Structures are given as structure tokens and as C-alpha cells.
PDB file of N, CA and C in Angstrom:
ATOM      1  N   MET A   1       0.810  -1.302  -0.256  1.00  0.00           N
ATOM      2  CA  MET A   1      -0.080   0.168   0.016  1.00  0.00           C
ATOM      3  C   MET A   1       0.878   1.231   0.104  1.00  0.00           C
ATOM      4  N   THR A   2       0.317   2.168  -0.744  1.00  0.00           N
ATOM      5  CA  THR A   2       1.581   3.586  -0.874  1.00  0.00           C
ATOM      6  C   THR A   2       0.999   4.421   0.385  1.00  0.00           C
ATOM      7  N   GLN A   3       1.642   5.306   0.250  1.00  0.00           N
ATOM      8  CA  GLN A   3       1.460   6.611   1.409  1.00  0.00           C
ATOM      9  C   GLN A   3      -0.002   7.399   0.706  1.00  0.00           C
ATOM     10  N   ASP A   4      -0.383   7.387  -0.561  1.00  0.00           N
ATOM     11  CA  ASP A   4      -1.249   7.932  -0.745  1.00  0.00           C
ATOM     12  C   ASP A   4      -2.708   7.325  -0.506  1.00  0.00           C
ATOM     13  N   GLU A   5      -2.239   5.935  -0.967  1.00  0.00           N
ATOM     14  CA  GLU A   5      -3.329   4.863  -0.399  1.00  0.00           C
ATOM     15  C   GLU A   5      -3.775   4.732   0.396  1.00  0.00           C
ATOM     16  N   ALA A   6      -2.987   5.033   1.670  1.00  0.00           N
ATOM     17  CA  ALA A   6      -2.995   5.165   2.940  1.00  0.00           C
ATOM     18  C   ALA A   6      -3.859   6.222   3.282  1.00  0.00           C
ATOM     19  N   ARG A   7      -3.390   7.439   3.195  1.00  0.00           N
ATOM     20  CA  ARG A   7      -4.082   8.705   3.560  1.00  0.00           C
ATOM     21  C   ARG A   7      -5.482   8.352   3.113  1.00  0.00           C
ATOM     22  N   ALA A   8      -6.175   7.815   1.848  1.00  0.00           N
ATOM     23  CA  ALA A   8      -6.989   8.237   1.715  1.00  0.00           C
ATOM     24  C   ALA A   8      -8.130   7.406   2.236  1.00  0.00           C
ATOM     25  N   GLU A   9      -7.025   5.865   2.897  1.00  0.00           N
ATOM     26  CA  GLU A   9      -8.334   5.102   3.499  1.00  0.00           C
ATOM     27  C   GLU A   9      -8.529   5.677   4.664  1.00  0.00           C
ATOM     28  N   LEU A  10      -7.354   6.416   5.350  1.00  0.00           N
ATOM     29  CA  LEU A  10      -7.221   6.718   6.670  1.00  0.00           C
ATOM     30  C   LEU A  10      -8.640   8.430   6.337  1.00  0.00           C
ATOM     31  N   ARG A  11      -8.795   8.898   5.647  1.00  0.00           N
ATOM     32  CA  ARG A  11      -9.634  10.013   5.525  1.00  0.00           C
ATOM     33  C   ARG A  11     -11.004   9.248   5.273  1.00  0.00           C
ATOM     34  N   ARG A  12     -10.907   8.461   4.534  1.00  0.00           N
ATOM     35  CA  ARG A  12     -12.413   7.306   4.947  1.00  0.00           C
ATOM     36  C   ARG A  12     -12.776   6.910   5.842  1.00  0.00           C
ATOM     37  N   LEU A  13     -11.872   6.135   6.877  1.00  0.00           N
ATOM     38  CA  LEU A  13     -12.360   5.750   8.347  1.00  0.00           C
ATOM     39  C   LEU A  13     -12.389   6.905   9.269  1.00  0.00           C
ATOM     40  N   ARG A  14     -11.325   7.815   8.994  1.00  0.00           N
ATOM     41  CA  ARG A  14     -11.908   9.157  10.083  1.00  0.00           C
ATOM     42  C   ARG A  14     -13.286   9.424   9.901  1.00  0.00           C
ATOM     43  N   GLY A  15     -13.742   9.839   8.485  1.00  0.00           N
ATOM     44  CA  GLY A  15     -14.977   9.867   8.055  1.00  0.00           C
ATOM     45  C   GLY A  15     -16.136   9.182   8.787  1.00  0.00           C
ATOM     46  N   SER A  16     -16.064   7.962   8.899  1.00  0.00           N
ATOM     47  CA  SER A  16     -16.502   6.920   9.651  1.00  0.00           C
ATOM     48  C   SER A  16     -16.948   7.273  10.705  1.00  0.00           C
ATOM     49  N   ILE A  17     -15.493   7.522  11.511  1.00  0.00           N
ATOM     50  CA  ILE A  17     -15.688   8.111  13.314  1.00  0.00           C
ATOM     51  C   ILE A  17     -16.071   9.191  13.523  1.00  0.00           C
ATOM     52  N   ASP A  18     -16.485  10.220  12.439  1.00  0.00           N
ATOM     53  CA  ASP A  18     -16.923  11.113  12.467  1.00  0.00           C
ATOM     54  C   ASP A  18     -18.133  11.157  12.761  1.00  0.00           C
ATOM     55  N   ASN A  19     -18.671  10.378  11.942  1.00  0.00           N
ATOM     56  CA  ASN A  19     -20.091  10.393  11.812  1.00  0.00           C
ATOM     57  C   ASN A  19     -20.738   9.267  12.898  1.00  0.00           C
ATOM     58  N   MET A  20     -20.072   8.393  13.262  1.00  0.00           N
ATOM     59  CA  MET A  20     -20.214   7.828  14.721  1.00  0.00           C
ATOM     60  C   MET A  20     -20.144   8.763  15.774  1.00  0.00           C
ATOM     61  N   ASP A  21     -19.171   9.264  15.801  1.00  0.00           N
ATOM     62  CA  ASP A  21     -19.303  10.190  17.133  1.00  0.00           C
ATOM     63  C   ASP A  21     -20.638  11.557  16.807  1.00  0.00           C
ATOM     64  N   SER A  22     -20.726  12.074  15.775  1.00  0.00           N
ATOM     65  CA  SER A  22     -22.112  12.641  15.980  1.00  0.00           C
ATOM     66  C   SER A  22     -23.270  11.738  16.068  1.00  0.00           C
ATOM     67  N   ALA A  23     -23.311  10.722  15.419  1.00  0.00           N
ATOM     68  CA  ALA A  23     -24.235   9.850  16.403  1.00  0.00           C
ATOM     69  C   ALA A  23     -24.492   9.893  17.829  1.00  0.00           C
ATOM     70  N   LEU A  24     -23.335   9.293  18.307  1.00  0.00           N
ATOM     71  CA  LEU A  24     -23.446   9.241  20.110  1.00  0.00           C
ATOM     72  C   LEU A  24     -23.385  10.549  20.412  1.00  0.00           C
ATOM     73  N   VAL A  25     -23.075  11.404  20.135  1.00  0.00           N
ATOM     74  CA  VAL A  25     -23.694  12.577  20.906  1.00  0.00           C
ATOM     75  C   VAL A  25     -24.840  13.139  20.497  1.00  0.00           C
ATOM     76  N   HIS A  26     -25.563  13.064  19.095  1.00  0.00           N
ATOM     77  CA  HIS A  26     -27.346  13.419  19.537  1.00  0.00           C
ATOM     78  C   HIS A  26     -27.539  12.272  20.591  1.00  0.00           C
ATOM     79  N   LEU A  27     -27.386  11.136  20.157  1.00  0.00           N
ATOM     80  CA  LEU A  27     -27.797   9.595  20.870  1.00  0.00           C
ATOM     81  C   LEU A  27     -27.936  10.115  22.778  1.00  0.00           C
ATOM     82  N   LEU A  28     -26.697  10.681  22.773  1.00  0.00           N
ATOM     83  CA  LEU A  28     -26.457  11.652  24.179  1.00  0.00           C
ATOM     84  C   LEU A  28     -27.285  12.345  24.871  1.00  0.00           C
ATOM     85  N   ALA A  29     -27.725  13.266  24.142  1.00  0.00           N
ATOM     86  CA  ALA A  29     -28.328  14.154  23.998  1.00  0.00           C
ATOM     87  C   ALA A  29     -30.256  13.948  24.024  1.00  0.00           C
ATOM     88  N   GLU A  30     -30.256  13.110  23.443  1.00  0.00           N
ATOM     89  CA  GLU A  30     -31.839  12.079  23.631  1.00  0.00           C
ATOM     90  C   GLU A  30     -31.494  11.715  25.020  1.00  0.00           C
ATOM     91  N   ARG A  31     -30.886  11.015  25.378  1.00  0.00           N
ATOM     92  CA  ARG A  31     -30.616  10.374  26.562  1.00  0.00           C
ATOM     93  C   ARG A  31     -30.912  11.028  27.811  1.00  0.00           C
ATOM     94  N   PHE A  32     -30.102  12.467  27.876  1.00  0.00           N
ATOM     95  CA  PHE A  32     -30.522  13.321  28.964  1.00  0.00           C
ATOM     96  C   PHE A  32     -31.540  14.127  28.887  1.00  0.00           C
ATOM     97  N   LYS A  33     -32.262  14.052  27.648  1.00  0.00           N
ATOM     98  CA  LYS A  33     -33.486  14.603  27.616  1.00  0.00           C
ATOM     99  C   LYS A  33     -34.477  13.988  28.637  1.00  0.00           C
ATOM    100  N   VAL A  34     -34.598  12.538  28.498  1.00  0.00           N
ATOM    101  CA  VAL A  34     -35.722  11.606  29.193  1.00  0.00           C
ATOM    102  C   VAL A  34     -35.096  11.295  30.347  1.00  0.00           C
ATOM    103  N   THR A  35     -33.599  11.709  30.683  1.00  0.00           N
ATOM    104  CA  THR A  35     -32.855  11.496  32.330  1.00  0.00           C
ATOM    105  C   THR A  35     -33.557  13.082  32.872  1.00  0.00           C
ATOM    106  N   GLN A  36     -33.632  14.087  32.028  1.00  0.00           N
ATOM    107  CA  GLN A  36     -34.115  14.898  33.114  1.00  0.00           C
ATOM    108  C   GLN A  36     -35.462  14.983  33.348  1.00  0.00           C
ATOM    109  N   ARG A  37     -36.598  14.003  32.430  1.00  0.00           N
ATOM    110  CA  ARG A  37     -37.742  14.008  32.763  1.00  0.00           C
ATOM    111  C   ARG A  37     -38.066  13.311  33.977  1.00  0.00           C
ATOM    112  N   VAL A  38     -36.786  12.351  34.131  1.00  0.00           N
ATOM    113  CA  VAL A  38     -37.014  11.339  35.199  1.00  0.00           C
ATOM    114  C   VAL A  38     -36.220  11.948  36.584  1.00  0.00           C
ATOM    115  N   GLY A  39     -35.796  13.019  36.166  1.00  0.00           N
ATOM    116  CA  GLY A  39     -35.302  13.833  37.844  1.00  0.00           C
ATOM    117  C   GLY A  39     -36.584  14.457  38.139  1.00  0.00           C
ATOM    118  N   GLU A  40     -37.281  14.958  36.953  1.00  0.00           N
ATOM    119  CA  GLU A  40     -38.514  15.893  37.282  1.00  0.00           C
ATOM    120  C   GLU A  40     -39.520  14.952  38.085  1.00  0.00           C
ATOM    121  N   LEU A  41     -39.683  13.778  37.715  1.00  0.00           N
ATOM    122  CA  LEU A  41     -40.635  13.176  38.183  1.00  0.00           C
ATOM    123  C   LEU A  41     -40.535  12.899  39.553  1.00  0.00           C
ATOM    124  N   LYS A  42     -38.888  12.330  39.622  1.00  0.00           N
ATOM    125  CA  LYS A  42     -38.359  11.847  41.191  1.00  0.00           C
ATOM    126  C   LYS A  42     -38.947  12.914  42.083  1.00  0.00           C
ATOM    127  N   ALA A  43     -38.073  13.950  41.851  1.00  0.00           N
ATOM    128  CA  ALA A  43     -38.194  15.598  42.648  1.00  0.00           C
ATOM    129  C   ALA A  43     -39.500  15.522  42.881  1.00  0.00           C
ATOM    130  N   ALA A  44     -40.643  15.549  41.915  1.00  0.00           N
ATOM    131  CA  ALA A  44     -42.154  15.529  42.580  1.00  0.00           C
ATOM    132  C   ALA A  44     -42.563  14.615  43.249  1.00  0.00           C
ATOM    133  N   ALA A  45     -41.823  13.493  43.292  1.00  0.00           N
ATOM    134  CA  ALA A  45     -42.421  12.484  43.930  1.00  0.00           C
ATOM    135  C   ALA A  45     -42.107  12.143  44.932  1.00  0.00           C
ATOM    136  N   GLY A  46     -40.994  13.033  45.577  1.00  0.00           N
ATOM    137  CA  GLY A  46     -40.414  13.049  46.431  1.00  0.00           C
ATOM    138  C   GLY A  46     -39.028  11.875  47.246  1.00  0.00           C
ATOM    139  N   LEU A  47     -38.902  11.285  45.299  1.00  0.00           N
ATOM    140  CA  LEU A  47     -37.867   9.989  45.528  1.00  0.00           C
ATOM    141  C   LEU A  47     -36.675  10.532  45.680  1.00  0.00           C
ATOM    142  N   PRO A  48     -35.435   9.462  45.669  1.00  0.00           N
ATOM    143  CA  PRO A  48     -34.297   9.940  45.790  1.00  0.00           C
ATOM    144  C   PRO A  48     -33.334  10.118  44.170  1.00  0.00           C
ATOM    145  N   PRO A  49     -32.781  11.241  44.250  1.00  0.00           N
ATOM    146  CA  PRO A  49     -32.044  11.475  42.670  1.00  0.00           C
ATOM    147  C   PRO A  49     -31.178  10.012  42.481  1.00  0.00           C
ATOM    148  N   ALA A  50     -30.543   9.582  42.965  1.00  0.00           N
ATOM    149  CA  ALA A  50     -29.853   8.182  42.821  1.00  0.00           C
ATOM    150  C   ALA A  50     -31.022   6.785  43.211  1.00  0.00           C
ATOM    151  N   ASP A  51     -30.682   6.072  42.155  1.00  0.00           N
ATOM    152  CA  ASP A  51     -31.474   4.481  42.663  1.00  0.00           C
ATOM    153  C   ASP A  51     -30.134   3.341  42.618  1.00  0.00           C
ATOM    154  N   PRO A  52     -29.497   3.056  43.444  1.00  0.00           N
ATOM    155  CA  PRO A  52     -28.626   2.249  43.503  1.00  0.00           C
ATOM    156  C   PRO A  52     -28.817   0.486  42.548  1.00  0.00           C
ATOM    157  N   ASP A  53     -30.303   0.288  42.853  1.00  0.00           N
ATOM    158  CA  ASP A  53     -30.700  -0.753  42.417  1.00  0.00           C
ATOM    159  C   ASP A  53     -30.491  -1.010  41.060  1.00  0.00           C
ATOM    160  N   ARG A  54     -31.175   0.159  40.652  1.00  0.00           N
ATOM    161  CA  ARG A  54     -31.112   0.658  39.195  1.00  0.00           C
ATOM    162  C   ARG A  54     -29.943   0.551  38.669  1.00  0.00           C
ATOM    163  N   GLU A  55     -28.788   1.143  39.135  1.00  0.00           N
ATOM    164  CA  GLU A  55     -27.845   1.425  38.437  1.00  0.00           C
ATOM    165  C   GLU A  55     -26.875   0.275  38.368  1.00  0.00           C
ATOM    166  N   ALA A  56     -27.045  -0.610  39.380  1.00  0.00           N
ATOM    167  CA  ALA A  56     -26.579  -1.782  39.404  1.00  0.00           C
ATOM    168  C   ALA A  56     -26.941  -2.821  38.080  1.00  0.00           C
ATOM    169  N   ALA A  57     -28.059  -2.852  38.179  1.00  0.00           N
ATOM    170  CA  ALA A  57     -28.869  -3.707  37.158  1.00  0.00           C
ATOM    171  C   ALA A  57     -28.576  -2.924  35.840  1.00  0.00           C
ATOM    172  N   GLN A  58     -28.654  -1.643  35.533  1.00  0.00           N
ATOM    173  CA  GLN A  58     -28.265  -1.408  34.055  1.00  0.00           C
ATOM    174  C   GLN A  58     -26.410  -1.553  34.002  1.00  0.00           C
ATOM    175  N   ILE A  59     -25.527  -1.477  34.836  1.00  0.00           N
ATOM    176  CA  ILE A  59     -23.782  -1.837  34.850  1.00  0.00           C
ATOM    177  C   ILE A  59     -24.414  -3.439  34.401  1.00  0.00           C
ATOM    178  N   ALA A  60     -24.842  -4.424  34.860  1.00  0.00           N
ATOM    179  CA  ALA A  60     -24.632  -5.804  34.707  1.00  0.00           C
ATOM    180  C   ALA A  60     -25.075  -5.534  33.147  1.00  0.00           C
ATOM    181  N   ARG A  61     -26.477  -5.344  32.814  1.00  0.00           N
ATOM    182  CA  ARG A  61     -27.092  -5.131  31.667  1.00  0.00           C
ATOM    183  C   ARG A  61     -26.084  -4.823  30.486  1.00  0.00           C
ATOM    184  N   LEU A  62     -25.174  -3.538  30.550  1.00  0.00           N
ATOM    185  CA  LEU A  62     -24.119  -3.272  29.816  1.00  0.00           C
ATOM    186  C   LEU A  62     -23.410  -3.723  29.595  1.00  0.00           C
ATOM    187  N   ARG A  63     -22.398  -4.351  30.923  1.00  0.00           N
ATOM    188  CA  ARG A  63     -21.528  -5.566  30.849  1.00  0.00           C
ATOM    189  C   ARG A  63     -21.885  -6.509  29.783  1.00  0.00           C
ATOM    190  N   ALA A  64     -23.131  -7.007  30.130  1.00  0.00           N
ATOM    191  CA  ALA A  64     -23.005  -8.386  29.225  1.00  0.00           C
ATOM    192  C   ALA A  64     -23.546  -7.656  27.346  1.00  0.00           C
ATOM    193  N   LEU A  65     -23.971  -6.653  27.431  1.00  0.00           N
ATOM    194  CA  LEU A  65     -24.331  -6.322  25.869  1.00  0.00           C
ATOM    195  C   LEU A  65     -22.499  -6.085  25.159  1.00  0.00           C
ATOM    196  N   ALA A  66     -22.009  -5.438  26.354  1.00  0.00           N
ATOM    197  CA  ALA A  66     -20.512  -4.964  25.619  1.00  0.00           C
ATOM    198  C   ALA A  66     -20.095  -6.195  25.039  1.00  0.00           C
ATOM    199  N   VAL A  67     -19.926  -7.524  26.111  1.00  0.00           N
ATOM    200  CA  VAL A  67     -19.231  -8.838  26.190  1.00  0.00           C
ATOM    201  C   VAL A  67     -19.625  -9.515  24.664  1.00  0.00           C
ATOM    202  N   ASP A  68     -21.107  -9.240  24.295  1.00  0.00           N
ATOM    203  CA  ASP A  68     -22.134  -9.803  22.987  1.00  0.00           C
ATOM    204  C   ASP A  68     -21.558  -8.935  21.729  1.00  0.00           C
ATOM    205  N   ALA A  69     -20.842  -7.672  21.936  1.00  0.00           N
ATOM    206  CA  ALA A  69     -20.891  -6.983  20.905  1.00  0.00           C
ATOM    207  C   ALA A  69     -19.014  -6.653  20.805  1.00  0.00           C
ATOM    208  N   ASP A  70     -18.085  -7.533  21.527  1.00  0.00           N
ATOM    209  CA  ASP A  70     -16.807  -7.788  21.569  1.00  0.00           C
ATOM    210  C   ASP A  70     -16.018  -6.430  22.187  1.00  0.00           C
ATOM    211  N   LEU A  71     -16.792  -5.916  23.088  1.00  0.00           N
ATOM    212  CA  LEU A  71     -16.233  -4.389  23.655  1.00  0.00           C
ATOM    213  C   LEU A  71     -15.991  -4.703  25.216  1.00  0.00           C
ATOM    214  N   ASP A  72     -14.774  -3.869  25.643  1.00  0.00           N
ATOM    215  CA  ASP A  72     -14.090  -4.208  26.426  1.00  0.00           C
ATOM    216  C   ASP A  72     -15.425  -3.821  28.146  1.00  0.00           C
ATOM    217  N   PRO A  73     -16.185  -5.383  28.805  1.00  0.00           N
ATOM    218  CA  PRO A  73     -17.122  -4.623  29.737  1.00  0.00           C
ATOM    219  C   PRO A  73     -16.303  -3.534  30.730  1.00  0.00           C
ATOM    220  N   GLU A  74     -15.108  -3.544  30.765  1.00  0.00           N
ATOM    221  CA  GLU A  74     -14.505  -2.457  31.857  1.00  0.00           C
ATOM    222  C   GLU A  74     -15.135  -1.285  31.187  1.00  0.00           C
ATOM    223  N   PHE A  75     -14.371  -0.978  30.040  1.00  0.00           N
ATOM    224  CA  PHE A  75     -14.865   0.549  29.203  1.00  0.00           C
ATOM    225  C   PHE A  75     -16.274   0.645  29.479  1.00  0.00           C
ATOM    226  N   ALA A  76     -16.899  -0.344  28.853  1.00  0.00           N
ATOM    227  CA  ALA A  76     -18.569  -0.056  29.259  1.00  0.00           C
ATOM    228  C   ALA A  76     -19.069   0.478  30.460  1.00  0.00           C
ATOM    229  N   GLU A  77     -18.205  -0.126  31.515  1.00  0.00           N
ATOM    230  CA  GLU A  77     -19.210   0.236  32.717  1.00  0.00           C
ATOM    231  C   GLU A  77     -18.571   1.540  33.190  1.00  0.00           C
ATOM    232  N   LYS A  78     -17.244   1.755  32.731  1.00  0.00           N
ATOM    233  CA  LYS A  78     -16.686   2.631  33.193  1.00  0.00           C
ATOM    234  C   LYS A  78     -17.681   4.076  32.535  1.00  0.00           C
ATOM    235  N   PHE A  79     -18.048   4.060  31.304  1.00  0.00           N
ATOM    236  CA  PHE A  79     -18.484   4.997  30.575  1.00  0.00           C
ATOM    237  C   PHE A  79     -19.952   4.952  30.980  1.00  0.00           C
ATOM    238  N   LEU A  80     -20.316   4.197  31.596  1.00  0.00           N
ATOM    239  CA  LEU A  80     -22.476   4.230  31.858  1.00  0.00           C
ATOM    240  C   LEU A  80     -21.993   4.868  33.176  1.00  0.00           C
ATOM    241  N   THR A  81     -21.106   4.679  33.837  1.00  0.00           N
ATOM    242  CA  THR A  81     -20.730   5.215  35.523  1.00  0.00           C
ATOM    243  C   THR A  81     -20.457   6.447  35.562  1.00  0.00           C
ATOM    244  N   PHE A  82     -19.680   7.061  34.300  1.00  0.00           N
ATOM    245  CA  PHE A  82     -19.803   8.469  34.230  1.00  0.00           C
ATOM    246  C   PHE A  82     -20.956   9.063  33.904  1.00  0.00           C
ATOM    247  N   ILE A  83     -21.649   8.577  32.867  1.00  0.00           N
ATOM    248  CA  ILE A  83     -23.127   9.002  32.551  1.00  0.00           C
ATOM    249  C   ILE A  83     -24.026   9.254  33.683  1.00  0.00           C
ATOM    250  N   VAL A  84     -24.172   8.079  34.423  1.00  0.00           N
ATOM    251  CA  VAL A  84     -25.082   7.946  35.707  1.00  0.00           C
ATOM    252  C   VAL A  84     -24.471   9.275  36.573  1.00  0.00           C
ATOM    253  N   THR A  85     -23.141   8.884  37.177  1.00  0.00           N
ATOM    254  CA  THR A  85     -22.972  10.053  37.836  1.00  0.00           C
ATOM    255  C   THR A  85     -23.127  11.428  37.337  1.00  0.00           C
ATOM    256  N   GLU A  86     -23.220  11.973  36.183  1.00  0.00           N
ATOM    257  CA  GLU A  86     -23.938  13.469  35.509  1.00  0.00           C
ATOM    258  C   GLU A  86     -25.624  13.053  35.870  1.00  0.00           C
ATOM    259  N   VAL A  87     -26.191  12.258  35.716  1.00  0.00           N
ATOM    260  CA  VAL A  87     -27.664  12.301  35.597  1.00  0.00           C
ATOM    261  C   VAL A  87     -27.801  12.490  37.128  1.00  0.00           C
ATOM    262  N   VAL A  88     -26.936  11.715  37.812  1.00  0.00           N
ATOM    263  CA  VAL A  88     -27.579  11.765  39.101  1.00  0.00           C
ATOM    264  C   VAL A  88     -27.025  12.971  39.722  1.00  0.00           C
ATOM    265  N   ARG A  89     -26.176  13.774  39.284  1.00  0.00           N
ATOM    266  CA  ARG A  89     -26.056  15.585  39.678  1.00  0.00           C
ATOM    267  C   ARG A  89     -26.795  16.139  38.796  1.00  0.00           C
ATOM    268  N   HIS A  90     -27.583  15.570  38.109  1.00  0.00           N
ATOM    269  CA  HIS A  90     -28.705  16.680  37.333  1.00  0.00           C
ATOM    270  C   HIS A  90     -29.936  16.479  38.102  1.00  0.00           C
ATOM    271  N   HIS A  91     -30.121  15.258  38.760  1.00  0.00           N
ATOM    272  CA  HIS A  91     -31.026  14.527  39.567  1.00  0.00           C
ATOM    273  C   HIS A  91     -31.203  15.734  41.005  1.00  0.00           C
ATOM    274  N   GLU A  92     -30.358  15.439  41.521  1.00  0.00           N
ATOM    275  CA  GLU A  92     -30.007  16.264  42.474  1.00  0.00           C
ATOM    276  C   GLU A  92     -30.361  17.761  42.602  1.00  0.00           C
ATOM    277  N   GLN A  93     -29.746  18.249  41.219  1.00  0.00           N
ATOM    278  CA  GLN A  93     -30.242  19.918  41.090  1.00  0.00           C
ATOM    279  C   GLN A  93     -31.305  20.039  40.603  1.00  0.00           C
ATOM    280  N   ILE A  94     -32.040  19.219  40.045  1.00  0.00           N
ATOM    281  CA  ILE A  94     -33.314  19.637  39.945  1.00  0.00           C
ATOM    282  C   ILE A  94     -34.401  19.138  41.293  1.00  0.00           C
ATOM    283  N   ALA A  95     -34.144  18.407  42.156  1.00  0.00           N
ATOM    284  CA  ALA A  95     -34.469  18.230  43.537  1.00  0.00           C
ATOM    285  C   ALA A  95     -34.354  19.562  44.225  1.00  0.00           C
ATOM    286  N   ALA A  96     -33.191  19.907  44.228  1.00  0.00           N
ATOM    287  CA  ALA A  96     -32.837  21.219  45.191  1.00  0.00           C
ATOM    288  C   ALA A  96     -33.392  22.359  44.898  1.00  0.00           C
ATOM    289  N   GLU A  97     -33.953  22.672  43.169  1.00  0.00           N
ATOM    290  CA  GLU A  97     -34.666  23.929  42.845  1.00  0.00           C
ATOM    291  C   GLU A  97     -36.070  23.722  42.870  1.00  0.00           C
ATOM    292  N   GLN A  98     -36.746  22.457  43.018  1.00  0.00           N
ATOM    293  CA  GLN A  98     -38.258  22.463  43.181  1.00  0.00           C
ATOM    294  C   GLN A  98     -38.201  22.182  44.696  1.00  0.00           C
ATOM    295  N   GLY A  99     -37.029  22.590  45.738  1.00  0.00           N
ATOM    296  CA  GLY A  99     -37.581  22.338  46.625  1.00  0.00           C
ATOM    297  C   GLY A  99     -37.296  23.748  47.270  1.00  0.00           C
ATOM    298  N   GLU A 100     -36.847  24.743  46.677  1.00  0.00           N
ATOM    299  CA  GLU A 100     -36.856  26.069  46.574  1.00  0.00           C
ATOM    300  C   GLU A 100     -37.832  26.462  46.864  1.00  0.00           C
TER     301      GLU A 100
END
């Protein structure tokens, strides 16, 4: 393979990566819109911002999906934990605002 061919293939692959990154951002935005509503419902009902049982079940589910998809389950867990931490922070903020 020549350098020009390699560069052309890199451009093609990077274009695919860019498309997937865009899709991920849009999916995360939609996910956070839904979790925003969850936070509002929890706050209105006086439920706690975090749900450790739900989080544990989601981690187990995501780890299994990762294994099926040939993705490192440790990475998948870290990724979900990062997202859940942010969601809980948002839920705490919503609860604090509704308690004012």
C-alpha cells in the first residue's frame, strides 16, 4: 500500500468515526432529555435522585451487551458510570430547585 492509498483510507475511516461521534452526541442528548424528565418526576414524588439498584442492574446489562458486542466490559462500565454520575448530579440539582 502506498502512502497516498493509506492517506485515502485514513480519510475514509476518519469520516466514519466522525459520523459515529456525531451519532453518539445526538444519542446522549436524547438520553439526557429523558433522564431530565425522570429527575423531574423523582423530585415531584419525593424520590431520591439516585437509584443504586437500578444502576447496578444497568451496569450488569451493559457489561453483558459489551461482551456480546466484543467491547471491553470494563470500558462499558466506566462509560455508563460516568453518564450515571452526571445524571444523578442533574437529579440532585432538579430536586434542590424544586425544594426552593
